[in-house]
Each structure stands twice: as C-alpha cells, then as structure tokens.
Amino acid sequence: MGQLHVYEVIRRPVVTEKSTELLDDENKYVFEVAKNANKIQITEAVELIFDVKVNKVNTMIVPPKRGRRGRKWYMRTKAWKKAIITLEPGEKIELFDV
C-alpha cells in the first residue's frame, strides 16, 4: 500500500445540519476522507492544509445506502469514511466561516 499524499487524504467537507451544529457548539469540523487514511495522516493533512492545531480526530465508516426497484435491491451510494476533527480552543478554519 503506497503512502497517501496530503491532498488525497481529505476528499471534501461534509456540510449538513448536524455538522453545522457541531461546528457552532463544539468547534468540530466534518470531512470525507480516504478510506485507507488513519487518524495520524488525517491530523497531519488538516494541520498542513488549513494551518490549525488539531486536538482530536474521530473516524467512522458510513455504510452504503440501498435502494429498491420492484424486487431488485441495488446500492444507491458507496460506503465512505467520515472524520470529525476537533480543533484546539481558539482555532478555526476560515473555509467554513460565512
């Protein structure tokens, strides 16, 4: 397994009602990350890209969603990995400020 480049680790920010609430209340940011990225790689990538200090990283695999057409089942979405990043107090990512 090859080493991931920093910009391959973080795929996209996840902007939902729940992630916005986490940001406002607890200074937590949610990103979709590469499935084979570990917490250390995610921490390094966020610190390097956004120039902030990361306090904690929680990761989870979001299961695929199934759909149905008649009697046939199919996969509507693939499984993906989500990272919830807690920053040090006083730190913030400017990308999310509106």
PDB file of N, CA and C in Angstrom:
ATOM      1  N   MET A   1       0.855  -1.188   0.000  1.00  0.00           N
ATOM      2  CA  MET A   1       0.000   0.000   0.000  1.00  0.00           C
ATOM      3  C   MET A   1       0.889   1.236   0.000  1.00  0.00           C
ATOM      4  N   GLY A   2       0.729   2.111  -0.975  1.00  0.00           N
ATOM      5  CA  GLY A   2       1.546   3.303  -1.076  1.00  0.00           C
ATOM      6  C   GLY A   2       1.123   4.388  -0.101  1.00  0.00           C
ATOM      7  N   GLN A   3       2.041   5.315   0.115  1.00  0.00           N
ATOM      8  CA  GLN A   3       1.774   6.429   1.018  1.00  0.00           C
ATOM      9  C   GLN A   3       0.816   7.413   0.345  1.00  0.00           C
ATOM     10  N   LEU A   4      -0.181   7.889   1.099  1.00  0.00           N
ATOM     11  CA  LEU A   4      -1.130   8.861   0.564  1.00  0.00           C
ATOM     12  C   LEU A   4      -0.520  10.251   0.584  1.00  0.00           C
ATOM     13  N   HIS A   5      -0.772  11.013  -0.457  1.00  0.00           N
ATOM     14  CA  HIS A   5      -0.369  12.420  -0.485  1.00  0.00           C
ATOM     15  C   HIS A   5      -1.335  13.196   0.415  1.00  0.00           C
ATOM     16  N   VAL A   6      -0.871  14.305   0.969  1.00  0.00           N
ATOM     17  CA  VAL A   6      -1.678  15.087   1.917  1.00  0.00           C
ATOM     18  C   VAL A   6      -3.025  15.481   1.319  1.00  0.00           C
ATOM     19  N   TYR A   7      -3.026  15.864   0.052  1.00  0.00           N
ATOM     20  CA  TYR A   7      -4.267  16.316  -0.573  1.00  0.00           C
ATOM     21  C   TYR A   7      -5.161  15.157  -1.026  1.00  0.00           C
ATOM     22  N   GLU A   8      -4.683  13.923  -0.927  1.00  0.00           N
ATOM     23  CA  GLU A   8      -5.522  12.761  -1.214  1.00  0.00           C
ATOM     24  C   GLU A   8      -6.249  12.275   0.035  1.00  0.00           C
ATOM     25  N   VAL A   9      -5.748  12.671   1.209  1.00  0.00           N
ATOM     26  CA  VAL A   9      -6.341  12.215   2.473  1.00  0.00           C
ATOM     27  C   VAL A   9      -7.723  12.826   2.658  1.00  0.00           C
ATOM     28  N   ILE A  10      -7.823  14.146   2.513  1.00  0.00           N
ATOM     29  CA  ILE A  10      -9.106  14.833   2.710  1.00  0.00           C
ATOM     30  C   ILE A  10      -9.796  14.964   1.361  1.00  0.00           C
ATOM     31  N   ARG A  11     -11.006  14.421   1.258  1.00  0.00           N
ATOM     32  CA  ARG A  11     -11.740  14.458  -0.001  1.00  0.00           C
ATOM     33  C   ARG A  11     -12.602  15.714  -0.127  1.00  0.00           C
ATOM     34  N   ARG A  12     -13.450  15.962   0.901  1.00  0.00           N
ATOM     35  CA  ARG A  12     -14.359  17.109   0.841  1.00  0.00           C
ATOM     36  C   ARG A  12     -14.899  17.396   2.232  1.00  0.00           C
ATOM     37  N   PRO A  13     -15.316  18.631   2.481  1.00  0.00           N
ATOM     38  CA  PRO A  13     -16.010  18.903   3.742  1.00  0.00           C
ATOM     39  C   PRO A  13     -17.446  18.391   3.658  1.00  0.00           C
ATOM     40  N   VAL A  14     -17.980  17.946   4.766  1.00  0.00           N
ATOM     41  CA  VAL A  14     -19.363  17.483   4.826  1.00  0.00           C
ATOM     42  C   VAL A  14     -20.174  18.594   5.474  1.00  0.00           C
ATOM     43  N   VAL A  15     -21.080  19.195   4.701  1.00  0.00           N
ATOM     44  CA  VAL A  15     -21.891  20.297   5.204  1.00  0.00           C
ATOM     45  C   VAL A  15     -23.339  19.833   5.307  1.00  0.00           C
ATOM     46  N   THR A  16     -23.759  19.551   6.528  1.00  0.00           N
ATOM     47  CA  THR A  16     -25.128  19.149   6.817  1.00  0.00           C
ATOM     48  C   THR A  16     -25.593  19.941   8.036  1.00  0.00           C
ATOM     49  N   GLU A  17     -26.859  19.781   8.393  1.00  0.00           N
ATOM     50  CA  GLU A  17     -27.347  20.457   9.588  1.00  0.00           C
ATOM     51  C   GLU A  17     -26.578  19.991  10.817  1.00  0.00           C
ATOM     52  N   LYS A  18     -26.358  18.704  10.907  1.00  0.00           N
ATOM     53  CA  LYS A  18     -25.673  18.156  12.072  1.00  0.00           C
ATOM     54  C   LYS A  18     -24.225  18.631  12.150  1.00  0.00           C
ATOM     55  N   SER A  19     -23.523  18.660  11.011  1.00  0.00           N
ATOM     56  CA  SER A  19     -22.129  19.101  11.025  1.00  0.00           C
ATOM     57  C   SER A  19     -22.026  20.598  11.334  1.00  0.00           C
ATOM     58  N   THR A  20     -22.996  21.379  10.879  1.00  0.00           N
ATOM     59  CA  THR A  20     -23.010  22.808  11.183  1.00  0.00           C
ATOM     60  C   THR A  20     -23.254  23.040  12.674  1.00  0.00           C
ATOM     61  N   GLU A  21     -24.124  22.218  13.263  1.00  0.00           N
ATOM     62  CA  GLU A  21     -24.374  22.302  14.696  1.00  0.00           C
ATOM     63  C   GLU A  21     -23.121  21.943  15.494  1.00  0.00           C
ATOM     64  N   LEU A  22     -22.406  20.893  15.068  1.00  0.00           N
ATOM     65  CA  LEU A  22     -21.156  20.514  15.719  1.00  0.00           C
ATOM     66  C   LEU A  22     -20.140  21.642  15.651  1.00  0.00           C
ATOM     67  N   LEU A  23     -20.073  22.315  14.511  1.00  0.00           N
ATOM     68  CA  LEU A  23     -19.147  23.417  14.336  1.00  0.00           C
ATOM     69  C   LEU A  23     -19.480  24.570  15.276  1.00  0.00           C
ATOM     70  N   ASP A  24     -20.749  24.955  15.338  1.00  0.00           N
ATOM     71  CA  ASP A  24     -21.168  26.080  16.163  1.00  0.00           C
ATOM     72  C   ASP A  24     -21.014  25.786  17.655  1.00  0.00           C
ATOM     73  N   ASP A  25     -21.403  24.580  18.080  1.00  0.00           N
ATOM     74  CA  ASP A  25     -21.435  24.266  19.507  1.00  0.00           C
ATOM     75  C   ASP A  25     -20.086  23.791  20.059  1.00  0.00           C
ATOM     76  N   GLU A  26     -19.376  22.958  19.292  1.00  0.00           N
ATOM     77  CA  GLU A  26     -18.214  22.270  19.859  1.00  0.00           C
ATOM     78  C   GLU A  26     -16.914  22.476  19.084  1.00  0.00           C
ATOM     79  N   ASN A  27     -16.888  23.347  18.079  1.00  0.00           N
ATOM     80  CA  ASN A  27     -15.696  23.614  17.271  1.00  0.00           C
ATOM     81  C   ASN A  27     -15.175  22.330  16.613  1.00  0.00           C
ATOM     82  N   LYS A  28     -16.102  21.532  16.049  1.00  0.00           N
ATOM     83  CA  LYS A  28     -15.750  20.290  15.363  1.00  0.00           C
ATOM     84  C   LYS A  28     -16.075  20.427  13.881  1.00  0.00           C
ATOM     85  N   TYR A  29     -15.157  19.959  13.042  1.00  0.00           N
ATOM     86  CA  TYR A  29     -15.320  20.019  11.592  1.00  0.00           C
ATOM     87  C   TYR A  29     -15.437  18.602  11.052  1.00  0.00           C
ATOM     88  N   VAL A  30     -16.283  18.420  10.030  1.00  0.00           N
ATOM     89  CA  VAL A  30     -16.532  17.087   9.480  1.00  0.00           C
ATOM     90  C   VAL A  30     -16.037  17.048   8.029  1.00  0.00           C
ATOM     91  N   PHE A  31     -15.255  16.015   7.714  1.00  0.00           N
ATOM     92  CA  PHE A  31     -14.710  15.831   6.373  1.00  0.00           C
ATOM     93  C   PHE A  31     -14.918  14.404   5.910  1.00  0.00           C
ATOM     94  N   GLU A  32     -15.075  14.239   4.593  1.00  0.00           N
ATOM     95  CA  GLU A  32     -14.961  12.908   3.998  1.00  0.00           C
ATOM     96  C   GLU A  32     -13.481  12.696   3.731  1.00  0.00           C
ATOM     97  N   VAL A  33     -12.965  11.546   4.135  1.00  0.00           N
ATOM     98  CA  VAL A  33     -11.538  11.263   3.974  1.00  0.00           C
ATOM     99  C   VAL A  33     -11.350   9.958   3.209  1.00  0.00           C
ATOM    100  N   ALA A  34     -10.118   9.725   2.782  1.00  0.00           N
ATOM    101  CA  ALA A  34      -9.794   8.477   2.081  1.00  0.00           C
ATOM    102  C   ALA A  34     -10.043   7.293   3.012  1.00  0.00           C
ATOM    103  N   LYS A  35     -10.564   6.212   2.457  1.00  0.00           N
ATOM    104  CA  LYS A  35     -10.941   5.055   3.274  1.00  0.00           C
ATOM    105  C   LYS A  35      -9.755   4.407   3.978  1.00  0.00           C
ATOM    106  N   ASN A  36      -8.574   4.477   3.380  1.00  0.00           N
ATOM    107  CA  ASN A  36      -7.403   3.844   3.976  1.00  0.00           C
ATOM    108  C   ASN A  36      -6.539   4.820   4.774  1.00  0.00           C
ATOM    109  N   ALA A  37      -7.038   6.045   5.019  1.00  0.00           N
ATOM    110  CA  ALA A  37      -6.288   7.028   5.812  1.00  0.00           C
ATOM    111  C   ALA A  37      -6.492   6.752   7.298  1.00  0.00           C
ATOM    112  N   ASN A  38      -5.420   6.885   8.082  1.00  0.00           N
ATOM    113  CA  ASN A  38      -5.549   6.704   9.518  1.00  0.00           C
ATOM    114  C   ASN A  38      -5.604   8.067  10.210  1.00  0.00           C
ATOM    115  N   LYS A  39      -5.810   8.052  11.527  1.00  0.00           N
ATOM    116  CA  LYS A  39      -6.001   9.299  12.274  1.00  0.00           C
ATOM    117  C   LYS A  39      -4.761  10.190  12.236  1.00  0.00           C
ATOM    118  N   ILE A  40      -3.580   9.591  12.237  1.00  0.00           N
ATOM    119  CA  ILE A  40      -2.344  10.373  12.196  1.00  0.00           C
ATOM    120  C   ILE A  40      -2.231  11.104  10.863  1.00  0.00           C
ATOM    121  N   GLN A  41      -2.520  10.409   9.759  1.00  0.00           N
ATOM    122  CA  GLN A  41      -2.466  11.040   8.435  1.00  0.00           C
ATOM    123  C   GLN A  41      -3.505  12.154   8.322  1.00  0.00           C
ATOM    124  N   ILE A  42      -4.701  11.936   8.877  1.00  0.00           N
ATOM    125  CA  ILE A  42      -5.758  12.944   8.822  1.00  0.00           C
ATOM    126  C   ILE A  42      -5.341  14.180   9.611  1.00  0.00           C
ATOM    127  N   THR A  43      -4.769  13.971  10.798  1.00  0.00           N
ATOM    128  CA  THR A  43      -4.293  15.087  11.618  1.00  0.00           C
ATOM    129  C   THR A  43      -3.249  15.892  10.876  1.00  0.00           C
ATOM    130  N   GLU A  44      -2.252  15.223  10.306  1.00  0.00           N
ATOM    131  CA  GLU A  44      -1.181  15.911   9.580  1.00  0.00           C
ATOM    132  C   GLU A  44      -1.734  16.691   8.389  1.00  0.00           C
ATOM    133  N   ALA A  45      -2.674  16.087   7.664  1.00  0.00           N
ATOM    134  CA  ALA A  45      -3.237  16.742   6.484  1.00  0.00           C
ATOM    135  C   ALA A  45      -3.993  18.011   6.862  1.00  0.00           C
ATOM    136  N   VAL A  46      -4.838  17.935   7.895  1.00  0.00           N
ATOM    137  CA  VAL A  46      -5.621  19.110   8.308  1.00  0.00           C
ATOM    138  C   VAL A  46      -4.700  20.214   8.816  1.00  0.00           C
ATOM    139  N   GLU A  47      -3.699  19.845   9.616  1.00  0.00           N
ATOM    140  CA  GLU A  47      -2.774  20.852  10.148  1.00  0.00           C
ATOM    141  C   GLU A  47      -1.979  21.521   9.035  1.00  0.00           C
ATOM    142  N   LEU A  48      -1.563  20.753   8.034  1.00  0.00           N
ATOM    143  CA  LEU A  48      -0.768  21.320   6.944  1.00  0.00           C
ATOM    144  C   LEU A  48      -1.619  22.163   5.994  1.00  0.00           C
ATOM    145  N   ILE A  49      -2.793  21.666   5.626  1.00  0.00           N
ATOM    146  CA  ILE A  49      -3.617  22.358   4.632  1.00  0.00           C
ATOM    147  C   ILE A  49      -4.237  23.633   5.202  1.00  0.00           C
ATOM    148  N   PHE A  50      -4.799  23.545   6.413  1.00  0.00           N
ATOM    149  CA  PHE A  50      -5.550  24.675   6.972  1.00  0.00           C
ATOM    150  C   PHE A  50      -4.767  25.488   8.004  1.00  0.00           C
ATOM    151  N   ASP A  51      -3.529  25.073   8.333  1.00  0.00           N
ATOM    152  CA  ASP A  51      -2.667  25.783   9.272  1.00  0.00           C
ATOM    153  C   ASP A  51      -3.358  25.996  10.624  1.00  0.00           C
ATOM    154  N   VAL A  52      -3.862  24.905  11.189  1.00  0.00           N
ATOM    155  CA  VAL A  52      -4.514  24.927  12.504  1.00  0.00           C
ATOM    156  C   VAL A  52      -3.923  23.806  13.357  1.00  0.00           C
ATOM    157  N   LYS A  53      -4.224  23.816  14.654  1.00  0.00           N
ATOM    158  CA  LYS A  53      -3.758  22.775  15.569  1.00  0.00           C
ATOM    159  C   LYS A  53      -4.918  21.850  15.902  1.00  0.00           C
ATOM    160  N   VAL A  54      -4.769  20.564  15.586  1.00  0.00           N
ATOM    161  CA  VAL A  54      -5.826  19.577  15.815  1.00  0.00           C
ATOM    162  C   VAL A  54      -5.681  18.997  17.217  1.00  0.00           C
ATOM    163  N   ASN A  55      -6.799  18.902  17.920  1.00  0.00           N
ATOM    164  CA  ASN A  55      -6.819  18.343  19.274  1.00  0.00           C
ATOM    165  C   ASN A  55      -7.163  16.859  19.238  1.00  0.00           C
ATOM    166  N   LYS A  56      -8.141  16.471  18.405  1.00  0.00           N
ATOM    167  CA  LYS A  56      -8.650  15.101  18.416  1.00  0.00           C
ATOM    168  C   LYS A  56      -9.272  14.770  17.064  1.00  0.00           C
ATOM    169  N   VAL A  57      -9.191  13.498  16.671  1.00  0.00           N
ATOM    170  CA  VAL A  57      -9.812  13.026  15.427  1.00  0.00           C
ATOM    171  C   VAL A  57     -10.643  11.786  15.729  1.00  0.00           C
ATOM    172  N   ASN A  58     -11.902  11.798  15.341  1.00  0.00           N
ATOM    173  CA  ASN A  58     -12.759  10.621  15.420  1.00  0.00           C
ATOM    174  C   ASN A  58     -13.101  10.214  13.988  1.00  0.00           C
ATOM    175  N   THR A  59     -13.031   8.918  13.705  1.00  0.00           N
ATOM    176  CA  THR A  59     -13.350   8.448  12.364  1.00  0.00           C
ATOM    177  C   THR A  59     -14.433   7.393  12.433  1.00  0.00           C
ATOM    178  N   MET A  60     -15.167   7.267  11.335  1.00  0.00           N
ATOM    179  CA  MET A  60     -16.185   6.228  11.231  1.00  0.00           C
ATOM    180  C   MET A  60     -16.417   5.904   9.761  1.00  0.00           C
ATOM    181  N   ILE A  61     -16.810   4.667   9.503  1.00  0.00           N
ATOM    182  CA  ILE A  61     -17.178   4.258   8.153  1.00  0.00           C
ATOM    183  C   ILE A  61     -18.689   4.412   8.029  1.00  0.00           C
ATOM    184  N   VAL A  62     -19.113   5.220   7.058  1.00  0.00           N
ATOM    185  CA  VAL A  62     -20.537   5.401   6.808  1.00  0.00           C
ATOM    186  C   VAL A  62     -20.978   4.289   5.865  1.00  0.00           C
ATOM    187  N   PRO A  63     -21.959   3.482   6.271  1.00  0.00           N
ATOM    188  CA  PRO A  63     -22.342   2.334   5.446  1.00  0.00           C
ATOM    189  C   PRO A  63     -23.025   2.764   4.146  1.00  0.00           C
ATOM    190  N   PRO A  64     -23.022   1.874   3.144  1.00  0.00           N
ATOM    191  CA  PRO A  64     -23.699   2.213   1.887  1.00  0.00           C
ATOM    192  C   PRO A  64     -25.207   2.241   2.068  1.00  0.00           C
ATOM    193  N   LYS A  65     -25.868   3.012   1.219  1.00  0.00           N
ATOM    194  CA  LYS A  65     -27.329   3.088   1.276  1.00  0.00           C
ATOM    195  C   LYS A  65     -27.892   2.216   0.158  1.00  0.00           C
ATOM    196  N   ARG A  66     -28.938   1.459   0.479  1.00  0.00           N
ATOM    197  CA  ARG A  66     -29.541   0.571  -0.503  1.00  0.00           C
ATOM    198  C   ARG A  66     -30.824   1.188  -1.047  1.00  0.00           C
ATOM    199  N   GLY A  67     -31.125   0.884  -2.283  1.00  0.00           N
ATOM    200  CA  GLY A  67     -32.372   1.307  -2.908  1.00  0.00           C
ATOM    201  C   GLY A  67     -33.094   0.092  -3.439  1.00  0.00           C
ATOM    202  N   ARG A  68     -34.305   0.304  -3.880  1.00  0.00           N
ATOM    203  CA  ARG A  68     -35.085  -0.829  -4.366  1.00  0.00           C
ATOM    204  C   ARG A  68     -35.911  -0.435  -5.579  1.00  0.00           C
ATOM    205  N   ARG A  69     -35.879  -1.275  -6.589  1.00  0.00           N
ATOM    206  CA  ARG A  69     -36.724  -1.132  -7.764  1.00  0.00           C
ATOM    207  C   ARG A  69     -37.484  -2.441  -7.918  1.00  0.00           C
ATOM    208  N   GLY A  70     -38.755  -2.452  -7.570  1.00  0.00           N
ATOM    209  CA  GLY A  70     -39.508  -3.699  -7.620  1.00  0.00           C
ATOM    210  C   GLY A  70     -38.963  -4.678  -6.598  1.00  0.00           C
ATOM    211  N   ARG A  71     -38.537  -5.849  -7.076  1.00  0.00           N
ATOM    212  CA  ARG A  71     -37.960  -6.838  -6.172  1.00  0.00           C
ATOM    213  C   ARG A  71     -36.443  -6.785  -6.135  1.00  0.00           C
ATOM    214  N   LYS A  72     -35.857  -5.944  -6.936  1.00  0.00           N
ATOM    215  CA  LYS A  72     -34.394  -5.877  -7.039  1.00  0.00           C
ATOM    216  C   LYS A  72     -33.833  -4.833  -6.074  1.00  0.00           C
ATOM    217  N   TRP A  73     -32.770  -5.197  -5.355  1.00  0.00           N
ATOM    218  CA  TRP A  73     -32.047  -4.261  -4.495  1.00  0.00           C
ATOM    219  C   TRP A  73     -30.801  -3.780  -5.231  1.00  0.00           C
ATOM    220  N   TYR A  74     -30.418  -2.540  -5.015  1.00  0.00           N
ATOM    221  CA  TYR A  74     -29.186  -2.015  -5.592  1.00  0.00           C
ATOM    222  C   TYR A  74     -28.589  -1.015  -4.609  1.00  0.00           C
ATOM    223  N   MET A  75     -27.311  -0.700  -4.809  1.00  0.00           N
ATOM    224  CA  MET A  75     -26.622   0.251  -3.933  1.00  0.00           C
ATOM    225  C   MET A  75     -26.745   1.655  -4.503  1.00  0.00           C
ATOM    226  N   ARG A  76     -27.384   2.544  -3.733  1.00  0.00           N
ATOM    227  CA  ARG A  76     -27.511   3.930  -4.168  1.00  0.00           C
ATOM    228  C   ARG A  76     -26.224   4.706  -3.955  1.00  0.00           C
ATOM    229  N   THR A  77     -25.551   4.460  -2.821  1.00  0.00           N
ATOM    230  CA  THR A  77     -24.284   5.125  -2.536  1.00  0.00           C
ATOM    231  C   THR A  77     -23.278   4.094  -2.034  1.00  0.00           C
ATOM    232  N   LYS A  78     -22.007   4.409  -2.150  1.00  0.00           N
ATOM    233  CA  LYS A  78     -20.946   3.543  -1.656  1.00  0.00           C
ATOM    234  C   LYS A  78     -20.674   3.865  -0.188  1.00  0.00           C
ATOM    235  N   ALA A  79     -19.974   2.967   0.483  1.00  0.00           N
ATOM    236  CA  ALA A  79     -19.510   3.235   1.843  1.00  0.00           C
ATOM    237  C   ALA A  79     -18.376   4.266   1.760  1.00  0.00           C
ATOM    238  N   TRP A  80     -18.284   5.146   2.740  1.00  0.00           N
ATOM    239  CA  TRP A  80     -17.217   6.141   2.777  1.00  0.00           C
ATOM    240  C   TRP A  80     -16.804   6.404   4.213  1.00  0.00           C
ATOM    241  N   LYS A  81     -15.645   7.025   4.378  1.00  0.00           N
ATOM    242  CA  LYS A  81     -15.098   7.266   5.705  1.00  0.00           C
ATOM    243  C   LYS A  81     -15.271   8.731   6.075  1.00  0.00           C
ATOM    244  N   LYS A  82     -15.764   8.958   7.292  1.00  0.00           N
ATOM    245  CA  LYS A  82     -16.009  10.308   7.778  1.00  0.00           C
ATOM    246  C   LYS A  82     -15.081  10.575   8.955  1.00  0.00           C
ATOM    247  N   ALA A  83     -14.510  11.776   8.997  1.00  0.00           N
ATOM    248  CA  ALA A  83     -13.651  12.173  10.110  1.00  0.00           C
ATOM    249  C   ALA A  83     -14.229  13.419  10.761  1.00  0.00           C
ATOM    250  N   ILE A  84     -14.379  13.370  12.087  1.00  0.00           N
ATOM    251  CA  ILE A  84     -14.811  14.534  12.852  1.00  0.00           C
ATOM    252  C   ILE A  84     -13.573  15.051  13.568  1.00  0.00           C
ATOM    253  N   ILE A  85     -13.166  16.281  13.213  1.00  0.00           N
ATOM    254  CA  ILE A  85     -11.922  16.851  13.704  1.00  0.00           C
ATOM    255  C   ILE A  85     -12.224  17.927  14.730  1.00  0.00           C
ATOM    256  N   THR A  86     -11.692  17.755  15.937  1.00  0.00           N
ATOM    257  CA  THR A  86     -11.833  18.751  16.992  1.00  0.00           C
ATOM    258  C   THR A  86     -10.554  19.571  17.010  1.00  0.00           C
ATOM    259  N   LEU A  87     -10.705  20.889  16.916  1.00  0.00           N
ATOM    260  CA  LEU A  87      -9.547  21.773  16.942  1.00  0.00           C
ATOM    261  C   LEU A  87      -9.273  22.253  18.359  1.00  0.00           C
ATOM    262  N   GLU A  88      -8.051  22.737  18.573  1.00  0.00           N
ATOM    263  CA  GLU A  88      -7.692  23.333  19.861  1.00  0.00           C
ATOM    264  C   GLU A  88      -8.572  24.556  20.100  1.00  0.00           C
ATOM    265  N   PRO A  89      -8.855  24.901  21.363  1.00  0.00           N
ATOM    266  CA  PRO A  89      -9.664  26.101  21.640  1.00  0.00           C
ATOM    267  C   PRO A  89      -9.039  27.345  21.016  1.00  0.00           C
ATOM    268  N   GLY A  90      -9.866  28.164  20.395  1.00  0.00           N
ATOM    269  CA  GLY A  90      -9.382  29.384  19.745  1.00  0.00           C
ATOM    270  C   GLY A  90      -9.031  29.216  18.273  1.00  0.00           C
ATOM    271  N   GLU A  91      -8.862  27.988  17.805  1.00  0.00           N
ATOM    272  CA  GLU A  91      -8.534  27.728  16.403  1.00  0.00           C
ATOM    273  C   GLU A  91      -9.818  27.643  15.598  1.00  0.00           C
ATOM    274  N   LYS A  92      -9.725  28.010  14.315  1.00  0.00           N
ATOM    275  CA  LYS A  92     -10.871  27.830  13.417  1.00  0.00           C
ATOM    276  C   LYS A  92     -10.377  27.756  11.980  1.00  0.00           C
ATOM    277  N   ILE A  93     -11.184  27.131  11.122  1.00  0.00           N
ATOM    278  CA  ILE A  93     -10.856  27.013   9.700  1.00  0.00           C
ATOM    279  C   ILE A  93     -11.671  28.068   8.968  1.00  0.00           C
ATOM    280  N   GLU A  94     -10.984  28.949   8.250  1.00  0.00           N
ATOM    281  CA  GLU A  94     -11.636  30.078   7.597  1.00  0.00           C
ATOM    282  C   GLU A  94     -12.596  29.649   6.500  1.00  0.00           C
ATOM    283  N   LEU A  95     -12.342  28.480   5.900  1.00  0.00           N
ATOM    284  CA  LEU A  95     -13.178  27.963   4.809  1.00  0.00           C
ATOM    285  C   LEU A  95     -14.647  27.875   5.217  1.00  0.00           C
ATOM    286  N   PHE A  96     -14.917  27.565   6.488  1.00  0.00           N
ATOM    287  CA  PHE A  96     -16.279  27.345   6.940  1.00  0.00           C
ATOM    288  C   PHE A  96     -16.976  28.618   7.403  1.00  0.00           C
ATOM    289  N   ASP A  97     -16.246  29.711   7.570  1.00  0.00           N
ATOM    290  CA  ASP A  97     -16.864  30.960   8.033  1.00  0.00           C
ATOM    291  C   ASP A  97     -17.616  31.629   6.918  1.00  0.00           C
ATOM    292  N   VAL A  98     -18.856  31.964   7.196  1.00  0.00           N
ATOM    293  CA  VAL A  98     -19.699  32.604   6.171  1.00  0.00           C
ATOM    294  C   VAL A  98     -20.008  34.016   6.575  1.00  0.00           C
TER     295      VAL A  98
END
